[in-house]
């Protein structure tokens, strides 16, 4: 299994042969995996040191000369420490900067609550002009990085530290488009919408639900903003209820984004699997997944609950 942060680093090296862009980091190149780009293209790489606000400001300025810039650091620093620069310097001016934010969520493990960023999606998707992407495996990561590079404007790319199963390795028809979700498993009783590490866990839950006679559709919503409203509404019409799954606070993240669409156009039951509005803590990823309810069995039980709510509505 490959982590999406590793896939990010590999994608930068691969795409550098086809596209002109710069990469910047904040003294975390080995962790963010931009170290590989720095070794192969040192003339296109800058390390800004432990100064995330300067990283974003400098990247914004460099982009005004016409070349896209990837600015990489941990999600806690990109979305938290440098928020003012991301909002006012980068997004307000619609600068062509792509934020490569690694180590997002509680499943990064031992770094603990100070570094386990669980509010970055909420912060970033509320900023006007900002696109927010969260891929689920290495293939989708490369596609997201390429799509971000080919569009003009600020993009927040969210990556994890934990190795994740390959969802699309055997899917020859897979394509990615900003603003579009992807149905990775068909189903008729309910829809599970997930991002990042939680996509593979949702597929595992769907398998268990099938053994109970429940047909669960699984949608990978890597494009969180803009979100695929048409797909969400089609799923609402066809399945009538939802479970959302994310390694992020249930307030302001994927579950909120999906619920906003449904509340406006097609109200129906939603259960949200994610971090229940509390800080992370240090631990092994498997233990943290259990402690914070980020597992396939939790998704499975949320599906049962939402089906009961659907039935109660008639």
C-alpha atoms as a PDB file:
ATOM      1  CA  UNK A   1       0.000   0.000   0.000  1.00  0.00           C
ATOM      2  CA  UNK A   2       1.125   3.533  -0.778  1.00  0.00           C
ATOM      3  CA  UNK A   3       0.188   6.676   1.141  1.00  0.00           C
ATOM      4  CA  UNK A   4      -1.271   9.602  -0.746  1.00  0.00           C
ATOM      5  CA  UNK A   5       1.616  11.801   0.457  1.00  0.00           C
ATOM      6  CA  UNK A   6       4.057   9.371  -1.204  1.00  0.00           C
ATOM      7  CA  UNK A   7       1.961   9.417  -4.359  1.00  0.00           C
ATOM      8  CA  UNK A   8       2.013  13.236  -4.244  1.00  0.00           C
ATOM      9  CA  UNK A   9       5.803  13.288  -4.199  1.00  0.00           C
ATOM     10  CA  UNK A  10       5.982  10.819  -7.079  1.00  0.00           C
ATOM     11  CA  UNK A  11       3.422  12.785  -9.093  1.00  0.00           C
ATOM     12  CA  UNK A  12       5.418  16.002  -8.801  1.00  0.00           C
ATOM     13  CA  UNK A  13       8.523  14.294 -10.215  1.00  0.00           C
ATOM     14  CA  UNK A  14       6.571  12.646 -13.021  1.00  0.00           C
ATOM     15  CA  UNK A  15       4.622  15.754 -14.038  1.00  0.00           C
ATOM     16  CA  UNK A  16       7.740  17.959 -13.981  1.00  0.00           C
ATOM     17  CA  UNK A  17       8.760  16.344 -17.265  1.00  0.00           C
ATOM     18  CA  UNK A  18       5.597  17.673 -18.924  1.00  0.00           C
ATOM     19  CA  UNK A  19       4.786  20.911 -17.092  1.00  0.00           C
ATOM     20  CA  UNK A  20       6.648  23.965 -15.876  1.00  0.00           C
ATOM     21  CA  UNK A  21       6.081  24.638 -12.171  1.00  0.00           C
ATOM     22  CA  UNK A  22       7.945  25.293  -8.937  1.00  0.00           C
ATOM     23  CA  UNK A  23       7.755  23.415  -5.645  1.00  0.00           C
ATOM     24  CA  UNK A  24       8.276  24.994  -2.238  1.00  0.00           C
ATOM     25  CA  UNK A  25       8.426  23.398   1.198  1.00  0.00           C
ATOM     26  CA  UNK A  26       8.717  24.465   4.844  1.00  0.00           C
ATOM     27  CA  UNK A  27      11.537  22.279   6.182  1.00  0.00           C
ATOM     28  CA  UNK A  28       9.467  19.103   5.830  1.00  0.00           C
ATOM     29  CA  UNK A  29      10.524  17.832   2.413  1.00  0.00           C
ATOM     30  CA  UNK A  30      11.188  14.279   3.596  1.00  0.00           C
ATOM     31  CA  UNK A  31       7.807  14.061   5.320  1.00  0.00           C
ATOM     32  CA  UNK A  32       5.815  15.691   2.514  1.00  0.00           C
ATOM     33  CA  UNK A  33       7.809  13.678  -0.045  1.00  0.00           C
ATOM     34  CA  UNK A  34       8.821  16.754  -2.039  1.00  0.00           C
ATOM     35  CA  UNK A  35      12.404  15.674  -1.319  1.00  0.00           C
ATOM     36  CA  UNK A  36      12.360  13.581  -4.498  1.00  0.00           C
ATOM     37  CA  UNK A  37      11.493  16.626  -6.589  1.00  0.00           C
ATOM     38  CA  UNK A  38      14.178  18.678  -4.842  1.00  0.00           C
ATOM     39  CA  UNK A  39      16.850  16.145  -5.758  1.00  0.00           C
ATOM     40  CA  UNK A  40      15.861  15.833  -9.403  1.00  0.00           C
ATOM     41  CA  UNK A  41      14.954  19.472 -10.034  1.00  0.00           C
ATOM     42  CA  UNK A  42      16.921  21.534  -7.496  1.00  0.00           C
ATOM     43  CA  UNK A  43      16.677  24.671  -9.642  1.00  0.00           C
ATOM     44  CA  UNK A  44      12.855  24.505  -9.356  1.00  0.00           C
ATOM     45  CA  UNK A  45      12.696  23.864  -5.622  1.00  0.00           C
ATOM     46  CA  UNK A  46      12.866  26.233  -2.646  1.00  0.00           C
ATOM     47  CA  UNK A  47      12.920  25.368   1.050  1.00  0.00           C
ATOM     48  CA  UNK A  48      11.487  28.259   3.070  1.00  0.00           C
ATOM     49  CA  UNK A  49      12.403  26.821   6.470  1.00  0.00           C
ATOM     50  CA  UNK A  50      10.000  26.660   9.391  1.00  0.00           C
ATOM     51  CA  UNK A  51       8.060  29.728   8.220  1.00  0.00           C
ATOM     52  CA  UNK A  52       4.724  28.669   6.786  1.00  0.00           C
ATOM     53  CA  UNK A  53       3.306  32.183   6.432  1.00  0.00           C
ATOM     54  CA  UNK A  54       6.333  33.139   4.371  1.00  0.00           C
ATOM     55  CA  UNK A  55       5.932  29.945   2.350  1.00  0.00           C
ATOM     56  CA  UNK A  56       2.425  30.908   1.260  1.00  0.00           C
ATOM     57  CA  UNK A  57       3.243  34.584   0.703  1.00  0.00           C
ATOM     58  CA  UNK A  58       6.351  33.817  -1.324  1.00  0.00           C
ATOM     59  CA  UNK A  59       4.522  31.162  -3.367  1.00  0.00           C
ATOM     60  CA  UNK A  60       1.739  33.632  -4.138  1.00  0.00           C
ATOM     61  CA  UNK A  61       4.257  36.226  -5.292  1.00  0.00           C
ATOM     62  CA  UNK A  62       6.174  33.760  -7.459  1.00  0.00           C
ATOM     63  CA  UNK A  63       2.980  32.616  -9.156  1.00  0.00           C
ATOM     64  CA  UNK A  64       2.285  36.128 -10.415  1.00  0.00           C
ATOM     65  CA  UNK A  65       5.175  35.705 -12.859  1.00  0.00           C
ATOM     66  CA  UNK A  66       3.110  33.124 -14.727  1.00  0.00           C
ATOM     67  CA  UNK A  67       4.352  29.787 -13.379  1.00  0.00           C
ATOM     68  CA  UNK A  68       2.250  27.620 -11.022  1.00  0.00           C
ATOM     69  CA  UNK A  69       3.693  26.902  -7.578  1.00  0.00           C
ATOM     70  CA  UNK A  70       3.142  23.949  -5.243  1.00  0.00           C
ATOM     71  CA  UNK A  71       3.503  24.964  -1.585  1.00  0.00           C
ATOM     72  CA  UNK A  72       3.886  21.941   0.686  1.00  0.00           C
ATOM     73  CA  UNK A  73       3.720  21.427   4.436  1.00  0.00           C
ATOM     74  CA  UNK A  74       1.598  19.606   7.018  1.00  0.00           C
ATOM     75  CA  UNK A  75      -2.145  20.306   6.926  1.00  0.00           C
ATOM     76  CA  UNK A  76      -2.039  21.703  10.476  1.00  0.00           C
ATOM     77  CA  UNK A  77       0.394  24.381   9.309  1.00  0.00           C
ATOM     78  CA  UNK A  78      -1.005  25.026   5.829  1.00  0.00           C
ATOM     79  CA  UNK A  79      -4.612  25.446   6.956  1.00  0.00           C
ATOM     80  CA  UNK A  80      -3.918  26.651  10.499  1.00  0.00           C
ATOM     81  CA  UNK A  81      -0.726  28.601  10.972  1.00  0.00           C
ATOM     82  CA  UNK A  82      -0.818  30.186   7.502  1.00  0.00           C
ATOM     83  CA  UNK A  83      -4.578  30.706   7.256  1.00  0.00           C
ATOM     84  CA  UNK A  84      -4.357  34.499   7.013  1.00  0.00           C
ATOM     85  CA  UNK A  85      -1.871  34.297   4.145  1.00  0.00           C
ATOM     86  CA  UNK A  86      -3.895  31.595   2.389  1.00  0.00           C
ATOM     87  CA  UNK A  87      -7.035  33.704   2.603  1.00  0.00           C
ATOM     88  CA  UNK A  88      -5.778  37.226   1.995  1.00  0.00           C
ATOM     89  CA  UNK A  89      -2.605  36.812  -0.036  1.00  0.00           C
ATOM     90  CA  UNK A  90      -3.316  33.703  -2.039  1.00  0.00           C
ATOM     91  CA  UNK A  91      -7.073  33.210  -2.490  1.00  0.00           C
ATOM     92  CA  UNK A  92      -8.170  36.859  -2.426  1.00  0.00           C
ATOM     93  CA  UNK A  93      -5.809  37.511  -5.327  1.00  0.00           C
ATOM     94  CA  UNK A  94      -6.714  34.214  -7.043  1.00  0.00           C
ATOM     95  CA  UNK A  95      -3.047  33.240  -7.223  1.00  0.00           C
ATOM     96  CA  UNK A  96      -2.084  30.105  -9.095  1.00  0.00           C
ATOM     97  CA  UNK A  97      -0.777  28.212  -6.044  1.00  0.00           C
ATOM     98  CA  UNK A  98      -1.492  24.596  -5.166  1.00  0.00           C
ATOM     99  CA  UNK A  99      -1.212  23.780  -1.459  1.00  0.00           C
ATOM    100  CA  UNK A 100       0.071  20.246  -0.941  1.00  0.00           C
ATOM    101  CA  UNK A 101      -1.113  19.571   2.627  1.00  0.00           C
ATOM    102  CA  UNK A 102       0.087  16.243   4.014  1.00  0.00           C
ATOM    103  CA  UNK A 103      -0.461  14.508   7.366  1.00  0.00           C
ATOM    104  CA  UNK A 104      -4.157  15.402   7.573  1.00  0.00           C
ATOM    105  CA  UNK A 105      -6.598  13.795  10.008  1.00  0.00           C
ATOM    106  CA  UNK A 106      -6.106  11.688  13.130  1.00  0.00           C
ATOM    107  CA  UNK A 107      -4.932   8.597  11.261  1.00  0.00           C
ATOM    108  CA  UNK A 108      -1.454  10.081  10.854  1.00  0.00           C
ATOM    109  CA  UNK A 109      -0.709   8.439  14.213  1.00  0.00           C
ATOM    110  CA  UNK A 110       1.749   9.425  16.915  1.00  0.00           C
ATOM    111  CA  UNK A 111       2.073  13.149  16.101  1.00  0.00           C
ATOM    112  CA  UNK A 112      -0.878  13.833  18.399  1.00  0.00           C
ATOM    113  CA  UNK A 113      -3.672  16.384  18.564  1.00  0.00           C
ATOM    114  CA  UNK A 114      -1.528  19.439  17.841  1.00  0.00           C
ATOM    115  CA  UNK A 115      -0.565  18.047  14.436  1.00  0.00           C
ATOM    116  CA  UNK A 116      -3.657  15.988  13.591  1.00  0.00           C
ATOM    117  CA  UNK A 117      -5.564  18.571  11.584  1.00  0.00           C
ATOM    118  CA  UNK A 118      -9.281  17.750  11.612  1.00  0.00           C
ATOM    119  CA  UNK A 119     -10.663  21.155  10.615  1.00  0.00           C
ATOM    120  CA  UNK A 120      -8.751  21.957   7.422  1.00  0.00           C
ATOM    121  CA  UNK A 121     -11.541  21.021   4.991  1.00  0.00           C
ATOM    122  CA  UNK A 122     -13.948  23.289   6.864  1.00  0.00           C
ATOM    123  CA  UNK A 123     -11.463  26.166   6.774  1.00  0.00           C
ATOM    124  CA  UNK A 124     -10.443  25.774   3.158  1.00  0.00           C
ATOM    125  CA  UNK A 125     -13.821  25.160   1.562  1.00  0.00           C
ATOM    126  CA  UNK A 126     -15.192  28.320   3.198  1.00  0.00           C
ATOM    127  CA  UNK A 127     -12.615  30.466   1.375  1.00  0.00           C
ATOM    128  CA  UNK A 128     -13.939  31.940  -1.896  1.00  0.00           C
ATOM    129  CA  UNK A 129     -12.083  30.775  -5.072  1.00  0.00           C
ATOM    130  CA  UNK A 130     -10.493  27.809  -3.218  1.00  0.00           C
ATOM    131  CA  UNK A 131     -10.786  24.326  -4.734  1.00  0.00           C
ATOM    132  CA  UNK A 132     -10.511  21.438  -2.241  1.00  0.00           C
ATOM    133  CA  UNK A 133      -9.425  17.927  -3.289  1.00  0.00           C
ATOM    134  CA  UNK A 134      -8.846  14.784  -1.191  1.00  0.00           C
ATOM    135  CA  UNK A 135      -7.844  11.658  -3.170  1.00  0.00           C
ATOM    136  CA  UNK A 136      -8.245   8.100  -1.885  1.00  0.00           C
ATOM    137  CA  UNK A 137      -5.284   6.267  -3.452  1.00  0.00           C
ATOM    138  CA  UNK A 138      -2.094   6.761  -5.450  1.00  0.00           C
ATOM    139  CA  UNK A 139      -3.738   6.756  -8.875  1.00  0.00           C
ATOM    140  CA  UNK A 140      -6.322   9.321  -7.881  1.00  0.00           C
ATOM    141  CA  UNK A 141      -3.625  11.402  -6.191  1.00  0.00           C
ATOM    142  CA  UNK A 142      -1.707  11.722  -9.449  1.00  0.00           C
ATOM    143  CA  UNK A 143      -4.936  12.629 -11.252  1.00  0.00           C
ATOM    144  CA  UNK A 144      -5.770  15.293  -8.649  1.00  0.00           C
ATOM    145  CA  UNK A 145      -2.294  16.828  -8.808  1.00  0.00           C
ATOM    146  CA  UNK A 146      -2.464  16.939 -12.600  1.00  0.00           C
ATOM    147  CA  UNK A 147      -5.968  18.444 -12.577  1.00  0.00           C
ATOM    148  CA  UNK A 148      -4.877  21.069 -10.050  1.00  0.00           C
ATOM    149  CA  UNK A 149      -1.903  21.944 -12.219  1.00  0.00           C
ATOM    150  CA  UNK A 150      -4.038  22.334 -15.318  1.00  0.00           C
ATOM    151  CA  UNK A 151      -6.509  24.758 -13.751  1.00  0.00           C
ATOM    152  CA  UNK A 152      -5.738  28.351 -12.786  1.00  0.00           C
ATOM    153  CA  UNK A 153      -6.324  29.383  -9.205  1.00  0.00           C
ATOM    154  CA  UNK A 154      -5.748  28.194  -5.636  1.00  0.00           C
ATOM    155  CA  UNK A 155      -6.182  24.518  -4.824  1.00  0.00           C
ATOM    156  CA  UNK A 156      -5.971  22.755  -1.465  1.00  0.00           C
ATOM    157  CA  UNK A 157      -4.771  19.172  -1.907  1.00  0.00           C
ATOM    158  CA  UNK A 158      -5.292  17.014   1.199  1.00  0.00           C
ATOM    159  CA  UNK A 159      -3.055  13.975   1.702  1.00  0.00           C
ATOM    160  CA  UNK A 160      -2.653  11.344   4.416  1.00  0.00           C
ATOM    161  CA  UNK A 161       0.371   9.705   6.003  1.00  0.00           C
ATOM    162  CA  UNK A 162      -1.060   6.193   6.265  1.00  0.00           C
ATOM    163  CA  UNK A 163      -0.641   3.660   3.458  1.00  0.00           C
ATOM    164  CA  UNK A 164      -4.018   3.035   1.840  1.00  0.00           C
ATOM    165  CA  UNK A 165      -5.344   0.255  -0.431  1.00  0.00           C
ATOM    166  CA  UNK A 166      -5.451   0.924  -4.169  1.00  0.00           C
ATOM    167  CA  UNK A 167      -9.076   1.573  -5.070  1.00  0.00           C
ATOM    168  CA  UNK A 168      -8.526   2.202  -8.776  1.00  0.00           C
ATOM    169  CA  UNK A 169      -5.567  -0.031  -9.647  1.00  0.00           C
ATOM    170  CA  UNK A 170      -7.718  -2.365 -11.779  1.00  0.00           C
ATOM    171  CA  UNK A 171     -10.158   0.237 -13.094  1.00  0.00           C
ATOM    172  CA  UNK A 172      -9.008   0.992 -16.632  1.00  0.00           C
ATOM    173  CA  UNK A 173     -11.923   3.392 -17.152  1.00  0.00           C
ATOM    174  CA  UNK A 174     -11.019   5.619 -14.183  1.00  0.00           C
ATOM    175  CA  UNK A 175     -10.837   9.339 -14.892  1.00  0.00           C
ATOM    176  CA  UNK A 176     -10.846  12.311 -12.544  1.00  0.00           C
ATOM    177  CA  UNK A 177     -12.470  15.670 -13.074  1.00  0.00           C
ATOM    178  CA  UNK A 178     -12.679  18.545 -10.626  1.00  0.00           C
ATOM    179  CA  UNK A 179     -16.289  18.910  -9.528  1.00  0.00           C
ATOM    180  CA  UNK A 180     -17.152  15.267 -10.169  1.00  0.00           C
ATOM    181  CA  UNK A 181     -17.506  12.311  -7.812  1.00  0.00           C
ATOM    182  CA  UNK A 182     -16.938   8.686  -8.775  1.00  0.00           C
ATOM    183  CA  UNK A 183     -19.193   5.726  -7.953  1.00  0.00           C
ATOM    184  CA  UNK A 184     -16.847   2.882  -7.004  1.00  0.00           C
ATOM    185  CA  UNK A 185     -19.604   0.428  -6.066  1.00  0.00           C
ATOM    186  CA  UNK A 186     -23.231   0.339  -7.134  1.00  0.00           C
ATOM    187  CA  UNK A 187     -26.027  -0.170  -4.648  1.00  0.00           C
ATOM    188  CA  UNK A 188     -29.729   0.556  -4.264  1.00  0.00           C
ATOM    189  CA  UNK A 189     -30.528   0.742  -0.530  1.00  0.00           C
ATOM    190  CA  UNK A 190     -28.268   3.584   0.606  1.00  0.00           C
ATOM    191  CA  UNK A 191     -25.285   5.661  -0.519  1.00  0.00           C
ATOM    192  CA  UNK A 192     -21.993   5.921   1.346  1.00  0.00           C
ATOM    193  CA  UNK A 193     -19.975   8.999   0.325  1.00  0.00           C
ATOM    194  CA  UNK A 194     -16.368   8.977   1.474  1.00  0.00           C
ATOM    195  CA  UNK A 195     -12.987  10.648   0.987  1.00  0.00           C
ATOM    196  CA  UNK A 196      -9.348   9.706   1.493  1.00  0.00           C
ATOM    197  CA  UNK A 197      -8.598   6.663   3.667  1.00  0.00           C
ATOM    198  CA  UNK A 198     -12.289   6.217   4.348  1.00  0.00           C
ATOM    199  CA  UNK A 199     -13.124   5.164   0.774  1.00  0.00           C
ATOM    200  CA  UNK A 200     -11.472   1.754   1.140  1.00  0.00           C
ATOM    201  CA  UNK A 201     -13.044   1.353   4.587  1.00  0.00           C
ATOM    202  CA  UNK A 202     -16.442   2.176   3.085  1.00  0.00           C
ATOM    203  CA  UNK A 203     -15.960  -0.497   0.436  1.00  0.00           C
ATOM    204  CA  UNK A 204     -15.137  -2.965   3.207  1.00  0.00           C
ATOM    205  CA  UNK A 205     -18.310  -1.943   5.035  1.00  0.00           C
ATOM    206  CA  UNK A 206     -20.340  -2.367   1.847  1.00  0.00           C
ATOM    207  CA  UNK A 207     -19.090  -5.939   1.540  1.00  0.00           C
ATOM    208  CA  UNK A 208     -20.227  -6.684   5.097  1.00  0.00           C
ATOM    209  CA  UNK A 209     -23.585  -5.030   4.468  1.00  0.00           C
ATOM    210  CA  UNK A 210     -24.082  -7.187   1.383  1.00  0.00           C
ATOM    211  CA  UNK A 211     -23.779 -10.247   3.618  1.00  0.00           C
ATOM    212  CA  UNK A 212     -26.708  -8.827   5.589  1.00  0.00           C
ATOM    213  CA  UNK A 213     -28.772  -8.360   2.443  1.00  0.00           C
ATOM    214  CA  UNK A 214     -28.156  -4.602   2.253  1.00  0.00           C
ATOM    215  CA  UNK A 215     -27.099  -3.060  -1.050  1.00  0.00           C
ATOM    216  CA  UNK A 216     -24.787  -0.098  -0.391  1.00  0.00           C
ATOM    217  CA  UNK A 217     -23.559   2.256  -3.083  1.00  0.00           C
ATOM    218  CA  UNK A 218     -20.106   3.770  -2.432  1.00  0.00           C
ATOM    219  CA  UNK A 219     -19.108   7.131  -3.889  1.00  0.00           C
ATOM    220  CA  UNK A 220     -15.606   8.600  -3.776  1.00  0.00           C
ATOM    221  CA  UNK A 221     -16.058  12.382  -3.499  1.00  0.00           C
ATOM    222  CA  UNK A 222     -12.432  13.464  -3.953  1.00  0.00           C
ATOM    223  CA  UNK A 223     -13.616  16.846  -5.228  1.00  0.00           C
ATOM    224  CA  UNK A 224     -15.070  18.320  -2.051  1.00  0.00           C
ATOM    225  CA  UNK A 225     -15.250  21.810  -3.495  1.00  0.00           C
ATOM    226  CA  UNK A 226     -16.711  22.126  -6.031  1.00  0.00           C
ATOM    227  CA  UNK A 227     -18.831  19.141  -5.036  1.00  0.00           C
ATOM    228  CA  UNK A 228     -20.803  16.995  -7.453  1.00  0.00           C
ATOM    229  CA  UNK A 229     -24.335  18.149  -6.685  1.00  0.00           C
ATOM    230  CA  UNK A 230     -25.824  16.261  -9.630  1.00  0.00           C
ATOM    231  CA  UNK A 231     -24.392  12.947  -8.415  1.00  0.00           C
ATOM    232  CA  UNK A 232     -25.537  13.552  -4.840  1.00  0.00           C
ATOM    233  CA  UNK A 233     -29.071  14.332  -6.000  1.00  0.00           C
ATOM    234  CA  UNK A 234     -29.149  11.294  -8.280  1.00  0.00           C
ATOM    235  CA  UNK A 235     -28.120   9.129  -5.335  1.00  0.00           C
ATOM    236  CA  UNK A 236     -30.796  10.773  -3.194  1.00  0.00           C
ATOM    237  CA  UNK A 237     -33.456   9.922  -5.770  1.00  0.00           C
ATOM    238  CA  UNK A 238     -32.230   6.349  -6.205  1.00  0.00           C
ATOM    239  CA  UNK A 239     -31.285   5.325  -2.649  1.00  0.00           C
ATOM    240  CA  UNK A 240     -32.994   7.842  -0.377  1.00  0.00           C
ATOM    241  CA  UNK A 241     -30.406   8.032   2.423  1.00  0.00           C
ATOM    242  CA  UNK A 242     -26.694   8.574   3.040  1.00  0.00           C
ATOM    243  CA  UNK A 243     -23.712   7.822   5.229  1.00  0.00           C
ATOM    244  CA  UNK A 244     -20.701  10.121   4.927  1.00  0.00           C
ATOM    245  CA  UNK A 245     -17.234   8.976   6.015  1.00  0.00           C
ATOM    246  CA  UNK A 246     -14.186  11.183   6.575  1.00  0.00           C
ATOM    247  CA  UNK A 247     -11.046  11.464   8.706  1.00  0.00           C
ATOM    248  CA  UNK A 248     -12.080  15.005   9.671  1.00  0.00           C
ATOM    249  CA  UNK A 249     -14.374  16.744  12.113  1.00  0.00           C
ATOM    250  CA  UNK A 250     -18.002  15.984  11.236  1.00  0.00           C
ATOM    251  CA  UNK A 251     -18.605  19.727  11.609  1.00  0.00           C
ATOM    252  CA  UNK A 252     -17.757  21.586   8.422  1.00  0.00           C
ATOM    253  CA  UNK A 253     -16.293  18.714   6.427  1.00  0.00           C
ATOM    254  CA  UNK A 254     -17.600  16.269   3.837  1.00  0.00           C
ATOM    255  CA  UNK A 255     -20.734  15.440   5.807  1.00  0.00           C
ATOM    256  CA  UNK A 256     -21.615  19.106   6.065  1.00  0.00           C
ATOM    257  CA  UNK A 257     -20.955  19.668   2.358  1.00  0.00           C
ATOM    258  CA  UNK A 258     -23.214  16.774   1.354  1.00  0.00           C
ATOM    259  CA  UNK A 259     -25.914  17.842   3.821  1.00  0.00           C
ATOM    260  CA  UNK A 260     -25.902  21.385   2.447  1.00  0.00           C
ATOM    261  CA  UNK A 261     -26.771  20.054  -0.997  1.00  0.00           C
ATOM    262  CA  UNK A 262     -29.492  17.766   0.334  1.00  0.00           C
ATOM    263  CA  UNK A 263     -31.029  20.379   2.637  1.00  0.00           C
ATOM    264  CA  UNK A 264     -31.396  22.762  -0.298  1.00  0.00           C
ATOM    265  CA  UNK A 265     -32.652  20.340  -2.938  1.00  0.00           C
ATOM    266  CA  UNK A 266     -33.668  16.932  -1.565  1.00  0.00           C
ATOM    267  CA  UNK A 267     -33.831  16.465   2.236  1.00  0.00           C
ATOM    268  CA  UNK A 268     -33.247  12.873   3.359  1.00  0.00           C
ATOM    269  CA  UNK A 269     -31.581  11.035   6.278  1.00  0.00           C
ATOM    270  CA  UNK A 270     -27.799  11.371   6.693  1.00  0.00           C
ATOM    271  CA  UNK A 271     -25.476   9.713   9.208  1.00  0.00           C
ATOM    272  CA  UNK A 272     -21.959  11.167   9.545  1.00  0.00           C
ATOM    273  CA  UNK A 273     -18.959   8.982  10.356  1.00  0.00           C
ATOM    274  CA  UNK A 274     -15.914  11.020  11.295  1.00  0.00           C
ATOM    275  CA  UNK A 275     -14.218  12.724  14.210  1.00  0.00           C
ATOM    276  CA  UNK A 276     -16.989  13.750  16.606  1.00  0.00           C
ATOM    277  CA  UNK A 277     -15.840  17.287  17.373  1.00  0.00           C
ATOM    278  CA  UNK A 278     -12.857  16.447  19.581  1.00  0.00           C
ATOM    279  CA  UNK A 279      -9.119  16.793  19.246  1.00  0.00           C
ATOM    280  CA  UNK A 280      -6.880  13.933  18.220  1.00  0.00           C
ATOM    281  CA  UNK A 281      -4.306  12.244  20.417  1.00  0.00           C
ATOM    282  CA  UNK A 282      -1.125  10.271  20.007  1.00  0.00           C
ATOM    283  CA  UNK A 283      -1.351   6.589  19.113  1.00  0.00           C
ATOM    284  CA  UNK A 284      -0.980   3.951  16.440  1.00  0.00           C
ATOM    285  CA  UNK A 285      -3.264   4.514  13.417  1.00  0.00           C
ATOM    286  CA  UNK A 286      -5.231   1.293  14.015  1.00  0.00           C
ATOM    287  CA  UNK A 287      -5.874   2.218  17.634  1.00  0.00           C
ATOM    288  CA  UNK A 288      -6.858   5.746  16.684  1.00  0.00           C
ATOM    289  CA  UNK A 289      -9.245   4.446  14.048  1.00  0.00           C
ATOM    290  CA  UNK A 290     -10.985   2.418  16.750  1.00  0.00           C
ATOM    291  CA  UNK A 291     -10.955   5.246  19.282  1.00  0.00           C
ATOM    292  CA  UNK A 292     -12.413   7.785  16.849  1.00  0.00           C
ATOM    293  CA  UNK A 293     -14.865   5.516  15.061  1.00  0.00           C
ATOM    294  CA  UNK A 294     -13.116   5.563  11.693  1.00  0.00           C
ATOM    295  CA  UNK A 295     -13.581   1.887  10.870  1.00  0.00           C
ATOM    296  CA  UNK A 296     -15.616  -0.264   8.505  1.00  0.00           C
ATOM    297  CA  UNK A 297     -17.809  -1.671  11.342  1.00  0.00           C
ATOM    298  CA  UNK A 298     -18.736   1.885  12.416  1.00  0.00           C
ATOM    299  CA  UNK A 299     -19.689   2.733   8.837  1.00  0.00           C
ATOM    300  CA  UNK A 300     -21.699  -0.495   8.676  1.00  0.00           C
ATOM    301  CA  UNK A 301     -23.667   0.353  11.810  1.00  0.00           C
ATOM    302  CA  UNK A 302     -24.254   3.915  10.582  1.00  0.00           C
ATOM    303  CA  UNK A 303     -25.745   2.387   7.439  1.00  0.00           C
ATOM    304  CA  UNK A 304     -28.138   0.294   9.527  1.00  0.00           C
ATOM    305  CA  UNK A 305     -29.202   3.362  11.501  1.00  0.00           C
ATOM    306  CA  UNK A 306     -29.823   5.482   8.437  1.00  0.00           C
ATOM    307  CA  UNK A 307     -31.882   2.711   6.844  1.00  0.00           C
ATOM    308  CA  UNK A 308     -34.043   2.598   9.977  1.00  0.00           C
ATOM    309  CA  UNK A 309     -34.565   6.342   9.689  1.00  0.00           C
ATOM    310  CA  UNK A 310     -35.416   5.976   6.015  1.00  0.00           C
ATOM    311  CA  UNK A 311     -37.950   3.262   6.829  1.00  0.00           C
ATOM    312  CA  UNK A 312     -39.510   5.398   9.554  1.00  0.00           C
ATOM    313  CA  UNK A 313     -40.107   8.166   7.059  1.00  0.00           C
ATOM    314  CA  UNK A 314     -42.050   5.753   4.868  1.00  0.00           C
END
